[in-house]
């Protein structure tokens, strides 16, 4: 059961991370994003950090409330 909570927490965190970078990149053009080589090292890991936090929160919720 803990794996289910961890998986759904990870998936929800990944979705939140994608939503956050979507808001942050809203005012930039597609060509500007493609030309900026540093952007992938800023926004890419940010999504994975949100996913890891979501997975941790899913496991934390399972361990403390179920």
PDB file of N, CA and C in Angstrom:
ATOM      1  N   UNK A   1       0.817  -1.185   0.000  1.00  0.00           N
ATOM      2  CA  UNK A   1       0.000   0.000   0.000  1.00  0.00           C
ATOM      3  C   UNK A   1       0.871   1.265   0.000  1.00  0.00           C
ATOM      4  N   UNK A   2       2.019   1.194   0.649  1.00  0.00           N
ATOM      5  CA  UNK A   2       2.890   2.366   0.705  1.00  0.00           C
ATOM      6  C   UNK A   2       3.401   2.727  -0.692  1.00  0.00           C
ATOM      7  N   UNK A   3       3.580   1.706  -1.537  1.00  0.00           N
ATOM      8  CA  UNK A   3       4.042   1.975  -2.897  1.00  0.00           C
ATOM      9  C   UNK A   3       3.003   2.748  -3.694  1.00  0.00           C
ATOM     10  N   UNK A   4       1.741   2.464  -3.456  1.00  0.00           N
ATOM     11  CA  UNK A   4       0.675   3.181  -4.159  1.00  0.00           C
ATOM     12  C   UNK A   4       0.685   4.648  -3.749  1.00  0.00           C
ATOM     13  N   UNK A   5       0.807   4.905  -2.452  1.00  0.00           N
ATOM     14  CA  UNK A   5       0.865   6.288  -1.980  1.00  0.00           C
ATOM     15  C   UNK A   5       2.105   6.993  -2.530  1.00  0.00           C
ATOM     16  N   UNK A   6       3.231   6.304  -2.527  1.00  0.00           N
ATOM     17  CA  UNK A   6       4.461   6.889  -3.054  1.00  0.00           C
ATOM     18  C   UNK A   6       4.362   7.178  -4.534  1.00  0.00           C
ATOM     19  N   UNK A   7       3.774   6.250  -5.293  1.00  0.00           N
ATOM     20  CA  UNK A   7       3.628   6.440  -6.736  1.00  0.00           C
ATOM     21  C   UNK A   7       2.705   7.609  -7.046  1.00  0.00           C
ATOM     22  N   UNK A   8       1.554   7.666  -6.390  1.00  0.00           N
ATOM     23  CA  UNK A   8       0.630   8.758  -6.666  1.00  0.00           C
ATOM     24  C   UNK A   8       1.181  10.094  -6.168  1.00  0.00           C
ATOM     25  N   UNK A   9       1.901  10.096  -5.075  1.00  0.00           N
ATOM     26  CA  UNK A   9       2.555  11.318  -4.624  1.00  0.00           C
ATOM     27  C   UNK A   9       3.603  11.786  -5.615  1.00  0.00           C
ATOM     28  N   UNK A  10       4.381  10.837  -6.154  1.00  0.00           N
ATOM     29  CA  UNK A  10       5.388  11.164  -7.160  1.00  0.00           C
ATOM     30  C   UNK A  10       4.727  11.730  -8.410  1.00  0.00           C
ATOM     31  N   UNK A  11       3.656  11.089  -8.873  1.00  0.00           N
ATOM     32  CA  UNK A  11       2.959  11.558 -10.071  1.00  0.00           C
ATOM     33  C   UNK A  11       2.337  12.939  -9.854  1.00  0.00           C
ATOM     34  N   UNK A  12       1.739  13.141  -8.693  1.00  0.00           N
ATOM     35  CA  UNK A  12       1.150  14.450  -8.404  1.00  0.00           C
ATOM     36  C   UNK A  12       2.249  15.518  -8.288  1.00  0.00           C
ATOM     37  N   UNK A  13       3.349  15.186  -7.677  1.00  0.00           N
ATOM     38  CA  UNK A  13       4.467  16.129  -7.583  1.00  0.00           C
ATOM     39  C   UNK A  13       5.036  16.467  -8.946  1.00  0.00           C
ATOM     40  N   UNK A  14       5.105  15.473  -9.818  1.00  0.00           N
ATOM     41  CA  UNK A  14       5.590  15.702 -11.176  1.00  0.00           C
ATOM     42  C   UNK A  14       4.644  16.651 -11.909  1.00  0.00           C
ATOM     43  N   UNK A  15       3.343  16.432 -11.746  1.00  0.00           N
ATOM     44  CA  UNK A  15       2.358  17.327 -12.369  1.00  0.00           C
ATOM     45  C   UNK A  15       2.448  18.739 -11.831  1.00  0.00           C
ATOM     46  N   UNK A  16       2.635  18.864 -10.527  1.00  0.00           N
ATOM     47  CA  UNK A  16       2.785  20.197  -9.925  1.00  0.00           C
ATOM     48  C   UNK A  16       4.048  20.871 -10.455  1.00  0.00           C
ATOM     49  N   UNK A  17       5.121  20.125 -10.570  1.00  0.00           N
ATOM     50  CA  UNK A  17       6.369  20.679 -11.101  1.00  0.00           C
ATOM     51  C   UNK A  17       6.216  21.168 -12.527  1.00  0.00           C
ATOM     52  N   UNK A  18       5.517  20.387 -13.356  1.00  0.00           N
ATOM     53  CA  UNK A  18       5.272  20.820 -14.727  1.00  0.00           C
ATOM     54  C   UNK A  18       4.401  22.071 -14.762  1.00  0.00           C
ATOM     55  N   UNK A  19       3.433  22.145 -13.869  1.00  0.00           N
ATOM     56  CA  UNK A  19       2.599  23.340 -13.787  1.00  0.00           C
ATOM     57  C   UNK A  19       3.390  24.563 -13.362  1.00  0.00           C
ATOM     58  N   UNK A  20       4.312  24.379 -12.439  1.00  0.00           N
ATOM     59  CA  UNK A  20       5.134  25.497 -11.971  1.00  0.00           C
ATOM     60  C   UNK A  20       6.028  26.022 -13.086  1.00  0.00           C
ATOM     61  N   UNK A  21       6.703  25.132 -13.812  1.00  0.00           N
ATOM     62  CA  UNK A  21       7.565  25.641 -14.883  1.00  0.00           C
ATOM     63  C   UNK A  21       6.736  26.185 -16.038  1.00  0.00           C
ATOM     64  N   UNK A  22       5.515  25.690 -16.219  1.00  0.00           N
ATOM     65  CA  UNK A  22       4.640  26.257 -17.239  1.00  0.00           C
ATOM     66  C   UNK A  22       4.334  27.714 -16.924  1.00  0.00           C
ATOM     67  N   UNK A  23       4.056  28.008 -15.666  1.00  0.00           N
ATOM     68  CA  UNK A  23       3.792  29.392 -15.254  1.00  0.00           C
ATOM     69  C   UNK A  23       5.065  30.233 -15.380  1.00  0.00           C
ATOM     70  N   UNK A  24       6.201  29.665 -15.015  1.00  0.00           N
ATOM     71  CA  UNK A  24       7.455  30.421 -15.067  1.00  0.00           C
ATOM     72  C   UNK A  24       7.910  30.709 -16.500  1.00  0.00           C
ATOM     73  N   UNK A  25       7.586  29.814 -17.424  1.00  0.00           N
ATOM     74  CA  UNK A  25       8.021  29.986 -18.820  1.00  0.00           C
ATOM     75  C   UNK A  25       6.932  30.575 -19.713  1.00  0.00           C
ATOM     76  N   UNK A  26       5.844  31.022 -19.141  1.00  0.00           N
ATOM     77  CA  UNK A  26       4.707  31.499 -19.923  1.00  0.00           C
ATOM     78  C   UNK A  26       5.054  32.684 -20.814  1.00  0.00           C
ATOM     79  N   UNK A  27       5.888  33.601 -20.351  1.00  0.00           N
ATOM     80  CA  UNK A  27       6.171  34.824 -21.098  1.00  0.00           C
ATOM     81  C   UNK A  27       7.380  34.715 -22.020  1.00  0.00           C
ATOM     82  N   UNK A  28       7.942  33.528 -22.147  1.00  0.00           N
ATOM     83  CA  UNK A  28       9.094  33.337 -23.026  1.00  0.00           C
ATOM     84  C   UNK A  28       8.659  32.621 -24.289  1.00  0.00           C
ATOM     85  N   UNK A  29       9.264  32.990 -25.408  1.00  0.00           N
ATOM     86  CA  UNK A  29       8.916  32.359 -26.680  1.00  0.00           C
ATOM     87  C   UNK A  29       9.583  30.981 -26.776  1.00  0.00           C
ATOM     88  N   UNK A  30       9.063  30.155 -27.668  1.00  0.00           N
ATOM     89  CA  UNK A  30       9.599  28.807 -27.853  1.00  0.00           C
ATOM     90  C   UNK A  30      11.044  28.860 -28.344  1.00  0.00           C
ATOM     91  N   UNK A  31      11.332  29.778 -29.262  1.00  0.00           N
ATOM     92  CA  UNK A  31      12.710  29.893 -29.767  1.00  0.00           C
ATOM     93  C   UNK A  31      13.668  30.366 -28.678  1.00  0.00           C
ATOM     94  N   UNK A  32      13.208  31.252 -27.816  1.00  0.00           N
ATOM     95  CA  UNK A  32      14.041  31.722 -26.714  1.00  0.00           C
ATOM     96  C   UNK A  32      14.355  30.580 -25.752  1.00  0.00           C
ATOM     97  N   UNK A  33      13.378  29.753 -25.486  1.00  0.00           N
ATOM     98  CA  UNK A  33      13.589  28.616 -24.591  1.00  0.00           C
ATOM     99  C   UNK A  33      14.553  27.605 -25.219  1.00  0.00           C
ATOM    100  N   UNK A  34      14.404  27.358 -26.509  1.00  0.00           N
ATOM    101  CA  UNK A  34      15.280  26.399 -27.188  1.00  0.00           C
ATOM    102  C   UNK A  34      16.723  26.881 -27.269  1.00  0.00           C
ATOM    103  N   UNK A  35      16.924  28.198 -27.411  1.00  0.00           N
ATOM    104  CA  UNK A  35      18.279  28.735 -27.530  1.00  0.00           C
ATOM    105  C   UNK A  35      18.994  28.833 -26.187  1.00  0.00           C
ATOM    106  N   UNK A  36      18.240  28.921 -25.112  1.00  0.00           N
ATOM    107  CA  UNK A  36      18.844  29.062 -23.783  1.00  0.00           C
ATOM    108  C   UNK A  36      19.266  27.686 -23.263  1.00  0.00           C
ATOM    109  N   UNK A  37      20.570  27.411 -23.321  1.00  0.00           N
ATOM    110  CA  UNK A  37      21.051  26.081 -22.921  1.00  0.00           C
ATOM    111  C   UNK A  37      21.050  25.913 -21.401  1.00  0.00           C
ATOM    112  N   UNK A  38      21.056  27.006 -20.653  1.00  0.00           N
ATOM    113  CA  UNK A  38      21.044  26.903 -19.200  1.00  0.00           C
ATOM    114  C   UNK A  38      19.649  26.597 -18.664  1.00  0.00           C
ATOM    115  N   UNK A  39      18.629  26.845 -19.464  1.00  0.00           N
ATOM    116  CA  UNK A  39      17.250  26.653 -18.990  1.00  0.00           C
ATOM    117  C   UNK A  39      16.972  25.192 -18.661  1.00  0.00           C
ATOM    118  N   UNK A  40      17.520  24.273 -19.439  1.00  0.00           N
ATOM    119  CA  UNK A  40      17.241  22.858 -19.165  1.00  0.00           C
ATOM    120  C   UNK A  40      17.845  22.406 -17.849  1.00  0.00           C
ATOM    121  N   UNK A  41      18.931  23.068 -17.408  1.00  0.00           N
ATOM    122  CA  UNK A  41      19.549  22.704 -16.136  1.00  0.00           C
ATOM    123  C   UNK A  41      18.896  23.395 -14.954  1.00  0.00           C
ATOM    124  N   UNK A  42      18.034  24.355 -15.226  1.00  0.00           N
ATOM    125  CA  UNK A  42      17.297  25.019 -14.149  1.00  0.00           C
ATOM    126  C   UNK A  42      15.909  24.413 -14.012  1.00  0.00           C
ATOM    127  N   UNK A  43      15.181  24.354 -15.112  1.00  0.00           N
ATOM    128  CA  UNK A  43      13.787  23.932 -15.057  1.00  0.00           C
ATOM    129  C   UNK A  43      13.611  22.416 -15.054  1.00  0.00           C
ATOM    130  N   UNK A  44      14.512  21.683 -15.664  1.00  0.00           N
ATOM    131  CA  UNK A  44      14.417  20.223 -15.675  1.00  0.00           C
ATOM    132  C   UNK A  44      14.528  19.602 -14.295  1.00  0.00           C
ATOM    133  N   UNK A  45      15.608  19.884 -13.569  1.00  0.00           N
ATOM    134  CA  UNK A  45      15.717  19.328 -12.212  1.00  0.00           C
ATOM    135  C   UNK A  45      14.645  19.839 -11.260  1.00  0.00           C
ATOM    136  N   UNK A  46      14.116  21.038 -11.538  1.00  0.00           N
ATOM    137  CA  UNK A  46      13.065  21.568 -10.678  1.00  0.00           C
ATOM    138  C   UNK A  46      11.840  20.652 -10.688  1.00  0.00           C
ATOM    139  N   UNK A  47      11.505  20.113 -11.852  1.00  0.00           N
ATOM    140  CA  UNK A  47      10.363  19.201 -11.956  1.00  0.00           C
ATOM    141  C   UNK A  47      10.634  17.933 -11.147  1.00  0.00           C
ATOM    142  N   UNK A  48      11.849  17.405 -11.240  1.00  0.00           N
ATOM    143  CA  UNK A  48      12.182  16.184 -10.521  1.00  0.00           C
ATOM    144  C   UNK A  48      12.240  16.409  -9.015  1.00  0.00           C
ATOM    145  N   UNK A  49      12.612  17.598  -8.590  1.00  0.00           N
ATOM    146  CA  UNK A  49      12.603  17.911  -7.155  1.00  0.00           C
ATOM    147  C   UNK A  49      11.169  17.921  -6.646  1.00  0.00           C
ATOM    148  N   UNK A  50      10.264  18.536  -7.386  1.00  0.00           N
ATOM    149  CA  UNK A  50       8.856  18.518  -6.997  1.00  0.00           C
ATOM    150  C   UNK A  50       8.316  17.090  -6.966  1.00  0.00           C
ATOM    151  N   UNK A  51       8.727  16.251  -7.928  1.00  0.00           N
ATOM    152  CA  UNK A  51       8.278  14.861  -7.957  1.00  0.00           C
ATOM    153  C   UNK A  51       8.803  14.099  -6.751  1.00  0.00           C
ATOM    154  N   UNK A  52      10.060  14.318  -6.389  1.00  0.00           N
ATOM    155  CA  UNK A  52      10.626  13.639  -5.222  1.00  0.00           C
ATOM    156  C   UNK A  52       9.936  14.089  -3.940  1.00  0.00           C
ATOM    157  N   UNK A  53       9.653  15.373  -3.832  1.00  0.00           N
ATOM    158  CA  UNK A  53       8.940  15.878  -2.651  1.00  0.00           C
ATOM    159  C   UNK A  53       7.541  15.273  -2.590  1.00  0.00           C
ATOM    160  N   UNK A  54       6.877  15.170  -3.729  1.00  0.00           N
ATOM    161  CA  UNK A  54       5.552  14.551  -3.763  1.00  0.00           C
ATOM    162  C   UNK A  54       5.593  13.094  -3.364  1.00  0.00           C
ATOM    163  N   UNK A  55       6.593  12.356  -3.842  1.00  0.00           N
ATOM    164  CA  UNK A  55       6.742  10.959  -3.443  1.00  0.00           C
ATOM    165  C   UNK A  55       7.002  10.822  -1.960  1.00  0.00           C
ATOM    166  N   UNK A  56       7.850  11.688  -1.437  1.00  0.00           N
ATOM    167  CA  UNK A  56       8.127  11.665   0.004  1.00  0.00           C
ATOM    168  C   UNK A  56       6.862  11.975   0.799  1.00  0.00           C
ATOM    169  N   UNK A  57       6.105  12.969   0.361  1.00  0.00           N
ATOM    170  CA  UNK A  57       4.869  13.313   1.074  1.00  0.00           C
ATOM    171  C   UNK A  57       3.851  12.176   1.023  1.00  0.00           C
ATOM    172  N   UNK A  58       3.793  11.468  -0.111  1.00  0.00           N
ATOM    173  CA  UNK A  58       2.892  10.328  -0.201  1.00  0.00           C
ATOM    174  C   UNK A  58       3.255   9.245   0.803  1.00  0.00           C
ATOM    175  N   UNK A  59       4.523   8.932   0.917  1.00  0.00           N
ATOM    176  CA  UNK A  59       4.972   7.928   1.880  1.00  0.00           C
ATOM    177  C   UNK A  59       4.783   8.432   3.310  1.00  0.00           C
ATOM    178  N   UNK A  60       5.048   9.709   3.544  1.00  0.00           N
ATOM    179  CA  UNK A  60       4.865  10.304   4.861  1.00  0.00           C
ATOM    180  C   UNK A  60       3.405  10.235   5.293  1.00  0.00           C
ATOM    181  N   UNK A  61       2.502  10.550   4.379  1.00  0.00           N
ATOM    182  CA  UNK A  61       1.062  10.483   4.689  1.00  0.00           C
ATOM    183  C   UNK A  61       0.665   9.049   5.008  1.00  0.00           C
ATOM    184  N   UNK A  62       1.164   8.101   4.229  1.00  0.00           N
ATOM    185  CA  UNK A  62       0.824   6.706   4.484  1.00  0.00           C
ATOM    186  C   UNK A  62       1.324   6.251   5.862  1.00  0.00           C
ATOM    187  N   UNK A  63       2.567   6.590   6.174  1.00  0.00           N
ATOM    188  CA  UNK A  63       3.152   6.128   7.432  1.00  0.00           C
ATOM    189  C   UNK A  63       2.514   6.775   8.658  1.00  0.00           C
ATOM    190  N   UNK A  64       2.015   7.982   8.543  1.00  0.00           N
ATOM    191  CA  UNK A  64       1.478   8.683   9.698  1.00  0.00           C
ATOM    192  C   UNK A  64      -0.028   8.587   9.851  1.00  0.00           C
ATOM    193  N   UNK A  65      -0.755   8.294   8.783  1.00  0.00           N
ATOM    194  CA  UNK A  65      -2.215   8.332   8.864  1.00  0.00           C
ATOM    195  C   UNK A  65      -2.900   7.014   8.525  1.00  0.00           C
ATOM    196  N   UNK A  66      -2.135   6.008   8.074  1.00  0.00           N
ATOM    197  CA  UNK A  66      -2.762   4.720   7.729  1.00  0.00           C
ATOM    198  C   UNK A  66      -2.083   3.584   8.454  1.00  0.00           C
TER     199      UNK A  66
END
